[in-house]
Amino acid sequence: GSHPLEEAPPMDELRLRMVSSHSVLGDFDSNLTTMARHCRDAASDDVDMICFPELSLTGYSMPHSRFHPLEGDDSRIGAISDLSGELGMAVCFGYADSEGHIVQAMAENGRIVGSYSKTHLGEREAEAMVPGDALPVIATSKAKVGISLCWEAHFPEIVGTYALDGADMILMPFASGLGGERRQSSWDRFLPARAYDNTVFVAACNMYGDNGMGVEFGGGAAVYDVRGFRMASAEGECSLTVDLDPEQMRRIRRGRYESMRDVYFLDKRRPELYGRLEKRLREKSW
C-alpha cells in the first residue's frame, strides 16, 4: 500500500534554535523585548526556526496566567508575526488566550501559520485552564511540526499521532523548575524514546529564572535526532542551535532499508492487535 507520508512535502535542511529564556508573569513588553532580541540574534546566525518556552509571552504561573489573556489579534502577538516576516524565520512562542487555553503558536512570513492548545493539563493547570482537543500538525516552509507542552512529553500517544499525521519534528517547550543535570537526566530518560519510536526530531527548551511570583524555572535545552541520539544540549539560560538534516529520516521512512537499524517502526505496526489498549484507555478500567 501507499506509504502514509508519501503525499507530504519533504522536510528541508533546517537550522533550529531552542531558547531557554526568562519571562515575567504579565510583563508582556519585557517578555516581547527578550524574545525580539533572541530572534534578531538568531537571524544573524541564519536560523530558520526559533522556539521559546511554554507561555513565554505571558509568563508561567498557575493559576495566575489565566488572568493575563491575549486575544489572537493582540498587538504583541502581531509584533512577533511581523518579526517572523522581517527576519525570514519561523517563531514558535506561547501565551494564554481568552478562553483559558495554554497556546503555543507558530509565526512565519508575517502571520500565524498554526497554533496548538495544550491538551493534557497538569494538576494545577487543570484547576485554572481549559484543555484543547486537537493535535494539529503545523506546516512551515521547511518542516511539518507537532507541539507537545512540558509534561505532555510523557504521553507516547501524542507524538505517535503527530508522526502518523506527517510531522517531521516535535517541539517541546517546557516551564519546569527542574534545571541543570537533573533536567537533562530527566529528558534523557524519555525524549529519546519519543524520537526513536516515531522517527522524528525532538527538540526541547525550558523556561529560566524567576517568574515574578517567586517561582524559579530551571532552564536548559536539548535536541535529539530521529534515532533518539542527543545531538546537543545546554543548561541554564541558553540558546541551542542545531542543523537538522532530513536525509536519515527520509531513508528510514522510504522503507528501503538494508538493516534493521534503518527500519521504519510505524510501517510495521499491527493496529488490529491494539484495540484492547484503546478500549482500556477509554474505559479507564484498570
C-alpha atoms as a PDB file:
ATOM      1  CA  GLY A   1       0.000   0.000   0.000  1.00  0.00           C
ATOM      2  CA  SER A   2       0.974   3.637  -0.209  1.00  0.00           C
ATOM      3  CA  HIS A   3       3.269   4.985   2.456  1.00  0.00           C
ATOM      4  CA  PRO A   4       1.447   7.286   4.926  1.00  0.00           C
ATOM      5  CA  LEU A   5       3.924  10.101   4.305  1.00  0.00           C
ATOM      6  CA  GLU A   6       4.228   9.866   0.519  1.00  0.00           C
ATOM      7  CA  GLU A   7       1.913  12.819  -0.031  1.00  0.00           C
ATOM      8  CA  ALA A   8       3.768  15.094   2.390  1.00  0.00           C
ATOM      9  CA  PRO A   9       6.299  17.582   1.008  1.00  0.00           C
ATOM     10  CA  PRO A  10       9.769  16.590   2.183  1.00  0.00           C
ATOM     11  CA  MET A  11      11.482  18.352   5.044  1.00  0.00           C
ATOM     12  CA  ASP A  12      14.287  20.718   4.057  1.00  0.00           C
ATOM     13  CA  GLU A  13      17.562  21.157   5.871  1.00  0.00           C
ATOM     14  CA  LEU A  14      16.756  23.374   8.820  1.00  0.00           C
ATOM     15  CA  ARG A  15      18.743  25.440  11.308  1.00  0.00           C
ATOM     16  CA  LEU A  16      16.819  25.304  14.584  1.00  0.00           C
ATOM     17  CA  ARG A  17      17.402  27.379  17.707  1.00  0.00           C
ATOM     18  CA  MET A  18      15.857  26.336  21.028  1.00  0.00           C
ATOM     19  CA  VAL A  19      15.847  29.147  23.588  1.00  0.00           C
ATOM     20  CA  SER A  20      15.740  28.852  27.360  1.00  0.00           C
ATOM     21  CA  SER A  21      14.628  32.362  28.254  1.00  0.00           C
ATOM     22  CA  HIS A  22      13.265  34.364  31.168  1.00  0.00           C
ATOM     23  CA  SER A  23       9.645  35.561  31.245  1.00  0.00           C
ATOM     24  CA  VAL A  24       7.822  37.521  33.952  1.00  0.00           C
ATOM     25  CA  LEU A  25       4.120  36.931  34.517  1.00  0.00           C
ATOM     26  CA  GLY A  26       2.042  39.604  32.763  1.00  0.00           C
ATOM     27  CA  ASP A  27       5.032  41.746  31.733  1.00  0.00           C
ATOM     28  CA  PHE A  28       4.273  41.436  28.033  1.00  0.00           C
ATOM     29  CA  ASP A  29       6.509  44.292  26.918  1.00  0.00           C
ATOM     30  CA  SER A  30       9.572  42.957  28.712  1.00  0.00           C
ATOM     31  CA  ASN A  31       8.902  39.394  27.555  1.00  0.00           C
ATOM     32  CA  LEU A  32       8.421  40.600  23.983  1.00  0.00           C
ATOM     33  CA  THR A  33      11.666  42.591  24.150  1.00  0.00           C
ATOM     34  CA  THR A  34      13.522  39.475  25.313  1.00  0.00           C
ATOM     35  CA  MET A  35      12.046  37.367  22.528  1.00  0.00           C
ATOM     36  CA  ALA A  36      12.742  40.011  19.863  1.00  0.00           C
ATOM     37  CA  ARG A  37      16.381  40.222  20.985  1.00  0.00           C
ATOM     38  CA  HIS A  38      16.732  36.450  20.686  1.00  0.00           C
ATOM     39  CA  CYS A  39      15.046  36.477  17.252  1.00  0.00           C
ATOM     40  CA  ARG A  40      17.369  39.174  15.883  1.00  0.00           C
ATOM     41  CA  ASP A  41      20.392  37.363  17.277  1.00  0.00           C
ATOM     42  CA  ALA A  42      19.183  34.137  15.657  1.00  0.00           C
ATOM     43  CA  ALA A  43      18.634  35.872  12.321  1.00  0.00           C
ATOM     44  CA  SER A  44      22.272  36.965  12.315  1.00  0.00           C
ATOM     45  CA  ASP A  45      23.150  33.252  12.596  1.00  0.00           C
ATOM     46  CA  ASP A  46      20.876  32.267   9.668  1.00  0.00           C
ATOM     47  CA  VAL A  47      18.421  30.400  11.902  1.00  0.00           C
ATOM     48  CA  ASP A  48      15.302  29.118  10.088  1.00  0.00           C
ATOM     49  CA  MET A  49      13.158  28.397  13.149  1.00  0.00           C
ATOM     50  CA  ILE A  50      13.330  29.564  16.760  1.00  0.00           C
ATOM     51  CA  CYS A  51      11.334  28.126  19.661  1.00  0.00           C
ATOM     52  CA  PHE A  52      10.629  29.721  23.053  1.00  0.00           C
ATOM     53  CA  PRO A  53       9.369  28.058  26.266  1.00  0.00           C
ATOM     54  CA  GLU A  54       5.778  27.419  27.309  1.00  0.00           C
ATOM     55  CA  LEU A  55       3.807  30.643  27.961  1.00  0.00           C
ATOM     56  CA  SER A  56       6.891  32.658  27.009  1.00  0.00           C
ATOM     57  CA  LEU A  57       4.927  35.797  26.113  1.00  0.00           C
ATOM     58  CA  THR A  58       2.514  35.640  29.062  1.00  0.00           C
ATOM     59  CA  GLY A  59       4.810  34.240  31.730  1.00  0.00           C
ATOM     60  CA  TYR A  60       4.037  30.975  33.528  1.00  0.00           C
ATOM     61  CA  SER A  61       2.313  30.956  36.927  1.00  0.00           C
ATOM     62  CA  MET A  62      -0.656  28.858  37.953  1.00  0.00           C
ATOM     63  CA  PRO A  63      -3.418  29.868  38.310  1.00  0.00           C
ATOM     64  CA  HIS A  64      -2.339  33.439  37.559  1.00  0.00           C
ATOM     65  CA  SER A  65      -1.515  33.031  33.832  1.00  0.00           C
ATOM     66  CA  ARG A  66      -5.261  32.637  33.267  1.00  0.00           C
ATOM     67  CA  PHE A  67      -5.750  36.265  34.349  1.00  0.00           C
ATOM     68  CA  HIS A  68      -3.372  37.651  31.718  1.00  0.00           C
ATOM     69  CA  PRO A  69      -5.020  36.500  28.470  1.00  0.00           C
ATOM     70  CA  LEU A  70      -4.283  37.680  24.964  1.00  0.00           C
ATOM     71  CA  GLU A  71      -6.698  37.778  22.031  1.00  0.00           C
ATOM     72  CA  GLY A  72      -5.400  36.468  18.723  1.00  0.00           C
ATOM     73  CA  ASP A  73      -5.305  39.977  17.244  1.00  0.00           C
ATOM     74  CA  ASP A  74      -3.298  41.433  20.141  1.00  0.00           C
ATOM     75  CA  SER A  75      -0.529  43.794  19.072  1.00  0.00           C
ATOM     76  CA  ARG A  76       2.110  41.796  20.983  1.00  0.00           C
ATOM     77  CA  ILE A  77       1.252  38.666  19.012  1.00  0.00           C
ATOM     78  CA  GLY A  78       1.230  40.843  15.895  1.00  0.00           C
ATOM     79  CA  ALA A  79       4.712  42.092  16.746  1.00  0.00           C
ATOM     80  CA  ILE A  80       6.053  38.534  16.773  1.00  0.00           C
ATOM     81  CA  SER A  81       4.300  37.798  13.486  1.00  0.00           C
ATOM     82  CA  ASP A  82       5.848  40.924  11.995  1.00  0.00           C
ATOM     83  CA  LEU A  83       9.286  39.842  13.233  1.00  0.00           C
ATOM     84  CA  SER A  84       8.880  36.467  11.550  1.00  0.00           C
ATOM     85  CA  GLY A  85       8.277  38.246   8.247  1.00  0.00           C
ATOM     86  CA  GLU A  86      11.013  40.812   8.693  1.00  0.00           C
ATOM     87  CA  LEU A  87      13.637  38.245   9.689  1.00  0.00           C
ATOM     88  CA  GLY A  88      12.540  35.407   7.389  1.00  0.00           C
ATOM     89  CA  MET A  89      12.231  32.995  10.299  1.00  0.00           C
ATOM     90  CA  ALA A  90       9.584  30.764  11.869  1.00  0.00           C
ATOM     91  CA  VAL A  91       8.950  31.738  15.504  1.00  0.00           C
ATOM     92  CA  CYS A  92       7.274  29.370  17.994  1.00  0.00           C
ATOM     93  CA  PHE A  93       6.039  31.059  21.186  1.00  0.00           C
ATOM     94  CA  GLY A  94       3.467  30.667  23.942  1.00  0.00           C
ATOM     95  CA  TYR A  95       0.665  32.645  25.590  1.00  0.00           C
ATOM     96  CA  ALA A  96      -2.616  32.206  27.457  1.00  0.00           C
ATOM     97  CA  ASP A  97      -5.711  33.018  25.399  1.00  0.00           C
ATOM     98  CA  SER A  98      -9.058  34.475  26.446  1.00  0.00           C
ATOM     99  CA  GLU A  99     -10.687  31.023  26.529  1.00  0.00           C
ATOM    100  CA  GLY A 100      -8.192  29.802  29.106  1.00  0.00           C
ATOM    101  CA  HIS A 101      -6.024  27.714  26.790  1.00  0.00           C
ATOM    102  CA  ILE A 102      -2.268  27.367  27.103  1.00  0.00           C
ATOM    103  CA  VAL A 103      -1.385  28.177  23.490  1.00  0.00           C
ATOM    104  CA  GLN A 104       1.836  27.619  21.572  1.00  0.00           C
ATOM    105  CA  ALA A 105       1.707  29.424  18.225  1.00  0.00           C
ATOM    106  CA  MET A 106       3.919  29.362  15.134  1.00  0.00           C
ATOM    107  CA  ALA A 107       4.509  32.589  13.205  1.00  0.00           C
ATOM    108  CA  GLU A 108       6.127  32.678   9.754  1.00  0.00           C
ATOM    109  CA  ASN A 109       6.098  35.060   6.799  1.00  0.00           C
ATOM    110  CA  GLY A 110       4.384  37.742   8.869  1.00  0.00           C
ATOM    111  CA  ARG A 111       1.412  35.693  10.046  1.00  0.00           C
ATOM    112  CA  ILE A 112       0.394  32.932  12.441  1.00  0.00           C
ATOM    113  CA  VAL A 113       0.548  29.703  10.403  1.00  0.00           C
ATOM    114  CA  GLY A 114      -0.745  27.423  13.147  1.00  0.00           C
ATOM    115  CA  SER A 115      -1.215  27.005  16.862  1.00  0.00           C
ATOM    116  CA  TYR A 116      -1.685  24.304  19.470  1.00  0.00           C
ATOM    117  CA  SER A 117      -3.729  24.441  22.673  1.00  0.00           C
ATOM    118  CA  LYS A 118      -2.348  22.192  25.432  1.00  0.00           C
ATOM    119  CA  THR A 119      -4.487  19.061  25.613  1.00  0.00           C
ATOM    120  CA  HIS A 120      -3.112  17.328  28.729  1.00  0.00           C
ATOM    121  CA  LEU A 121      -3.121  19.750  31.654  1.00  0.00           C
ATOM    122  CA  GLY A 122      -1.083  19.265  34.811  1.00  0.00           C
ATOM    123  CA  GLU A 123      -2.958  19.133  38.107  1.00  0.00           C
ATOM    124  CA  ARG A 124      -2.508  22.809  38.976  1.00  0.00           C
ATOM    125  CA  GLU A 125      -3.195  23.811  35.362  1.00  0.00           C
ATOM    126  CA  ALA A 126      -6.423  21.802  35.308  1.00  0.00           C
ATOM    127  CA  GLU A 127      -7.790  23.911  38.172  1.00  0.00           C
ATOM    128  CA  ALA A 128      -7.339  27.132  36.179  1.00  0.00           C
ATOM    129  CA  MET A 129      -7.012  26.440  32.458  1.00  0.00           C
ATOM    130  CA  VAL A 130      -9.079  24.803  29.720  1.00  0.00           C
ATOM    131  CA  PRO A 131      -7.703  21.832  27.743  1.00  0.00           C
ATOM    132  CA  GLY A 132      -7.517  21.883  23.963  1.00  0.00           C
ATOM    133  CA  ASP A 133      -8.932  18.964  21.995  1.00  0.00           C
ATOM    134  CA  ALA A 134      -6.791  18.639  18.864  1.00  0.00           C
ATOM    135  CA  LEU A 135      -3.270  17.615  17.838  1.00  0.00           C
ATOM    136  CA  PRO A 136      -2.633  19.688  14.695  1.00  0.00           C
ATOM    137  CA  VAL A 137       0.493  19.273  12.587  1.00  0.00           C
ATOM    138  CA  ILE A 138       1.677  22.765  11.671  1.00  0.00           C
ATOM    139  CA  ALA A 139       3.188  23.198   8.204  1.00  0.00           C
ATOM    140  CA  THR A 140       6.059  25.670   7.958  1.00  0.00           C
ATOM    141  CA  SER A 141       8.126  26.363   4.857  1.00  0.00           C
ATOM    142  CA  LYS A 142      10.834  23.846   5.830  1.00  0.00           C
ATOM    143  CA  ALA A 143       9.193  21.252   8.084  1.00  0.00           C
ATOM    144  CA  LYS A 144       5.945  19.930   9.483  1.00  0.00           C
ATOM    145  CA  VAL A 145       5.839  20.416  13.240  1.00  0.00           C
ATOM    146  CA  GLY A 146       3.946  18.894  16.140  1.00  0.00           C
ATOM    147  CA  ILE A 147       3.935  20.652  19.519  1.00  0.00           C
ATOM    148  CA  SER A 148       3.946  18.964  22.913  1.00  0.00           C
ATOM    149  CA  LEU A 149       3.989  21.153  26.036  1.00  0.00           C
ATOM    150  CA  CYS A 150       6.012  20.294  29.133  1.00  0.00           C
ATOM    151  CA  TRP A 151       4.724  17.158  30.888  1.00  0.00           C
ATOM    152  CA  GLU A 152       2.861  16.143  27.708  1.00  0.00           C
ATOM    153  CA  ALA A 153       6.239  14.701  26.669  1.00  0.00           C
ATOM    154  CA  HIS A 154       5.360  11.750  28.932  1.00  0.00           C
ATOM    155  CA  PHE A 155       2.484  10.656  26.640  1.00  0.00           C
ATOM    156  CA  PRO A 156       3.751   8.492  23.745  1.00  0.00           C
ATOM    157  CA  GLU A 157       0.373   8.676  22.019  1.00  0.00           C
ATOM    158  CA  ILE A 158       0.767  12.400  21.377  1.00  0.00           C
ATOM    159  CA  VAL A 159       3.996  12.063  19.396  1.00  0.00           C
ATOM    160  CA  GLY A 160       2.759   8.882  17.719  1.00  0.00           C
ATOM    161  CA  THR A 161      -0.320  10.733  16.468  1.00  0.00           C
ATOM    162  CA  TYR A 162       1.800  13.590  15.130  1.00  0.00           C
ATOM    163  CA  ALA A 163       4.168  11.190  13.376  1.00  0.00           C
ATOM    164  CA  LEU A 164       1.337   9.300  11.686  1.00  0.00           C
ATOM    165  CA  ASP A 165      -0.036  12.662  10.507  1.00  0.00           C
ATOM    166  CA  GLY A 166       3.270  13.512   8.844  1.00  0.00           C
ATOM    167  CA  ALA A 167       5.204  15.553  11.418  1.00  0.00           C
ATOM    168  CA  ASP A 168       8.969  15.761  10.863  1.00  0.00           C
ATOM    169  CA  MET A 169       9.806  17.242  14.237  1.00  0.00           C
ATOM    170  CA  ILE A 170       8.245  17.719  17.649  1.00  0.00           C
ATOM    171  CA  LEU A 171       8.884  20.944  19.539  1.00  0.00           C
ATOM    172  CA  MET A 172       8.603  20.548  23.313  1.00  0.00           C
ATOM    173  CA  PRO A 173       8.522  23.878  25.191  1.00  0.00           C
ATOM    174  CA  PHE A 174       8.669  23.436  28.989  1.00  0.00           C
ATOM    175  CA  ALA A 175       8.041  25.532  32.098  1.00  0.00           C
ATOM    176  CA  SER A 176       9.663  23.376  34.784  1.00  0.00           C
ATOM    177  CA  GLY A 177      11.535  24.113  37.972  1.00  0.00           C
ATOM    178  CA  LEU A 178      13.957  21.292  37.285  1.00  0.00           C
ATOM    179  CA  GLY A 179      17.305  22.515  35.971  1.00  0.00           C
ATOM    180  CA  GLY A 180      20.921  21.591  35.344  1.00  0.00           C
ATOM    181  CA  GLU A 181      21.963  17.936  35.271  1.00  0.00           C
ATOM    182  CA  ARG A 182      18.667  16.867  36.841  1.00  0.00           C
ATOM    183  CA  ARG A 183      16.725  18.445  33.971  1.00  0.00           C
ATOM    184  CA  GLN A 184      18.949  16.818  31.347  1.00  0.00           C
ATOM    185  CA  SER A 185      18.837  13.440  33.114  1.00  0.00           C
ATOM    186  CA  SER A 186      15.047  13.592  33.148  1.00  0.00           C
ATOM    187  CA  TRP A 187      14.844  14.396  29.435  1.00  0.00           C
ATOM    188  CA  ASP A 188      17.364  11.689  28.560  1.00  0.00           C
ATOM    189  CA  ARG A 189      15.043   9.045  30.027  1.00  0.00           C
ATOM    190  CA  PHE A 190      12.049   9.676  27.776  1.00  0.00           C
ATOM    191  CA  LEU A 191      12.696  12.186  24.978  1.00  0.00           C
ATOM    192  CA  PRO A 192      14.980   9.779  23.063  1.00  0.00           C
ATOM    193  CA  ALA A 193      12.110   7.265  23.028  1.00  0.00           C
ATOM    194  CA  ARG A 194       9.667   9.825  21.612  1.00  0.00           C
ATOM    195  CA  ALA A 195      12.138  10.479  18.770  1.00  0.00           C
ATOM    196  CA  TYR A 196      13.287   6.890  18.185  1.00  0.00           C
ATOM    197  CA  ASP A 197       9.884   5.184  18.204  1.00  0.00           C
ATOM    198  CA  ASN A 198       8.420   7.668  15.719  1.00  0.00           C
ATOM    199  CA  THR A 199      11.391   8.632  13.508  1.00  0.00           C
ATOM    200  CA  VAL A 200      11.025  12.326  14.303  1.00  0.00           C
ATOM    201  CA  PHE A 201      13.368  15.019  15.569  1.00  0.00           C
ATOM    202  CA  VAL A 202      12.566  16.078  19.134  1.00  0.00           C
ATOM    203  CA  ALA A 203      13.648  19.473  20.486  1.00  0.00           C
ATOM    204  CA  ALA A 204      13.007  20.806  23.996  1.00  0.00           C
ATOM    205  CA  CYS A 205      13.551  24.117  25.776  1.00  0.00           C
ATOM    206  CA  ASN A 206      12.693  25.124  29.330  1.00  0.00           C
ATOM    207  CA  MET A 207      11.839  28.474  30.891  1.00  0.00           C
ATOM    208  CA  TYR A 208      14.539  30.051  33.065  1.00  0.00           C
ATOM    209  CA  GLY A 209      14.603  32.256  36.146  1.00  0.00           C
ATOM    210  CA  ASP A 210      12.090  33.935  38.470  1.00  0.00           C
ATOM    211  CA  ASN A 211       8.576  34.315  37.048  1.00  0.00           C
ATOM    212  CA  GLY A 212       7.873  37.428  39.141  1.00  0.00           C
ATOM    213  CA  MET A 213       5.784  35.381  41.594  1.00  0.00           C
ATOM    214  CA  GLY A 214       8.682  33.777  43.437  1.00  0.00           C
ATOM    215  CA  VAL A 215       8.914  30.608  41.343  1.00  0.00           C
ATOM    216  CA  GLU A 216      12.258  29.730  39.761  1.00  0.00           C
ATOM    217  CA  PHE A 217      12.435  27.825  36.482  1.00  0.00           C
ATOM    218  CA  GLY A 218      15.434  25.650  35.743  1.00  0.00           C
ATOM    219  CA  GLY A 219      16.280  26.343  32.096  1.00  0.00           C
ATOM    220  CA  GLY A 220      18.010  24.005  29.677  1.00  0.00           C
ATOM    221  CA  ALA A 221      17.594  22.905  26.053  1.00  0.00           C
ATOM    222  CA  ALA A 222      18.220  19.697  24.109  1.00  0.00           C
ATOM    223  CA  VAL A 223      17.736  18.271  20.609  1.00  0.00           C
ATOM    224  CA  TYR A 224      17.506  14.578  19.642  1.00  0.00           C
ATOM    225  CA  ASP A 225      17.798  13.043  16.181  1.00  0.00           C
ATOM    226  CA  VAL A 226      15.347  10.604  14.593  1.00  0.00           C
ATOM    227  CA  ARG A 227      17.129   7.632  16.149  1.00  0.00           C
ATOM    228  CA  GLY A 228      16.992   9.117  19.621  1.00  0.00           C
ATOM    229  CA  PHE A 229      20.608  10.239  19.883  1.00  0.00           C
ATOM    230  CA  ARG A 230      21.142  13.532  21.695  1.00  0.00           C
ATOM    231  CA  MET A 231      22.572  15.945  19.121  1.00  0.00           C
ATOM    232  CA  ALA A 232      23.217  18.805  21.533  1.00  0.00           C
ATOM    233  CA  SER A 233      22.213  20.127  24.942  1.00  0.00           C
ATOM    234  CA  ALA A 234      22.815  23.139  27.150  1.00  0.00           C
ATOM    235  CA  GLU A 235      21.982  24.072  30.735  1.00  0.00           C
ATOM    236  CA  GLY A 236      20.533  27.145  32.428  1.00  0.00           C
ATOM    237  CA  GLU A 237      19.642  30.262  30.451  1.00  0.00           C
ATOM    238  CA  CYS A 238      20.836  29.351  26.988  1.00  0.00           C
ATOM    239  CA  SER A 239      20.339  29.272  23.232  1.00  0.00           C
ATOM    240  CA  LEU A 240      20.984  25.977  21.485  1.00  0.00           C
ATOM    241  CA  THR A 241      21.404  25.955  17.693  1.00  0.00           C
ATOM    242  CA  VAL A 242      21.370  22.706  15.701  1.00  0.00           C
ATOM    243  CA  ASP A 243      21.377  21.963  11.973  1.00  0.00           C
ATOM    244  CA  LEU A 244      18.815  19.275  11.161  1.00  0.00           C
ATOM    245  CA  ASP A 245      19.446  17.134   8.086  1.00  0.00           C
ATOM    246  CA  PRO A 246      16.378  15.159   6.971  1.00  0.00           C
ATOM    247  CA  GLU A 247      18.338  12.578   4.953  1.00  0.00           C
ATOM    248  CA  GLN A 248      18.355   9.840   7.618  1.00  0.00           C
ATOM    249  CA  MET A 249      14.650  10.371   8.258  1.00  0.00           C
ATOM    250  CA  ARG A 250      13.902  10.135   4.527  1.00  0.00           C
ATOM    251  CA  ARG A 251      15.944   6.953   4.189  1.00  0.00           C
ATOM    252  CA  ILE A 252      14.107   5.298   7.068  1.00  0.00           C
ATOM    253  CA  ARG A 253      10.657   6.466   6.028  1.00  0.00           C
ATOM    254  CA  ARG A 254      11.131   5.348   2.416  1.00  0.00           C
ATOM    255  CA  GLY A 255      11.167   1.804   3.776  1.00  0.00           C
ATOM    256  CA  ARG A 256      14.130   0.675   1.665  1.00  0.00           C
ATOM    257  CA  TYR A 257      16.412  -0.458   4.437  1.00  0.00           C
ATOM    258  CA  GLU A 258      19.439  -2.723   4.349  1.00  0.00           C
ATOM    259  CA  SER A 259      19.488  -3.487   8.072  1.00  0.00           C
ATOM    260  CA  MET A 260      17.036  -3.370  10.952  1.00  0.00           C
ATOM    261  CA  ARG A 261      18.725  -0.232  12.283  1.00  0.00           C
ATOM    262  CA  ASP A 262      17.031   1.681   9.438  1.00  0.00           C
ATOM    263  CA  VAL A 263      13.572   0.136   9.777  1.00  0.00           C
ATOM    264  CA  TYR A 264      10.600   2.500   9.988  1.00  0.00           C
ATOM    265  CA  PHE A 265       8.700   1.254  13.018  1.00  0.00           C
ATOM    266  CA  LEU A 266       5.398   2.969  12.222  1.00  0.00           C
ATOM    267  CA  ASP A 267       5.189   0.952   8.998  1.00  0.00           C
ATOM    268  CA  LYS A 268       5.461  -2.331  10.901  1.00  0.00           C
ATOM    269  CA  ARG A 269       2.706  -1.776  13.438  1.00  0.00           C
ATOM    270  CA  ARG A 270      -0.322  -4.096  13.615  1.00  0.00           C
ATOM    271  CA  PRO A 271      -3.174  -1.828  14.730  1.00  0.00           C
ATOM    272  CA  GLU A 272      -5.627  -4.747  14.767  1.00  0.00           C
ATOM    273  CA  LEU A 273      -3.834  -6.007  17.875  1.00  0.00           C
ATOM    274  CA  TYR A 274      -4.024  -2.750  19.799  1.00  0.00           C
ATOM    275  CA  GLY A 275      -7.794  -2.387  20.158  1.00  0.00           C
ATOM    276  CA  ARG A 276      -7.658  -3.569  23.748  1.00  0.00           C
ATOM    277  CA  LEU A 277      -5.340  -0.711  24.634  1.00  0.00           C
ATOM    278  CA  GLU A 278      -7.731   1.826  23.134  1.00  0.00           C
ATOM    279  CA  LYS A 279     -10.718   0.199  24.871  1.00  0.00           C
ATOM    280  CA  ARG A 280      -8.965   0.233  28.243  1.00  0.00           C
ATOM    281  CA  LEU A 281      -7.937   3.838  27.782  1.00  0.00           C
ATOM    282  CA  ARG A 282     -11.497   4.832  27.008  1.00  0.00           C
ATOM    283  CA  GLU A 283     -12.965   2.883  29.943  1.00  0.00           C
ATOM    284  CA  LYS A 284     -10.072   3.542  32.371  1.00  0.00           C
ATOM    285  CA  SER A 285     -10.997   0.126  33.682  1.00  0.00           C
ATOM    286  CA  TRP A 286      -7.694  -0.995  35.184  1.00  0.00           C
END
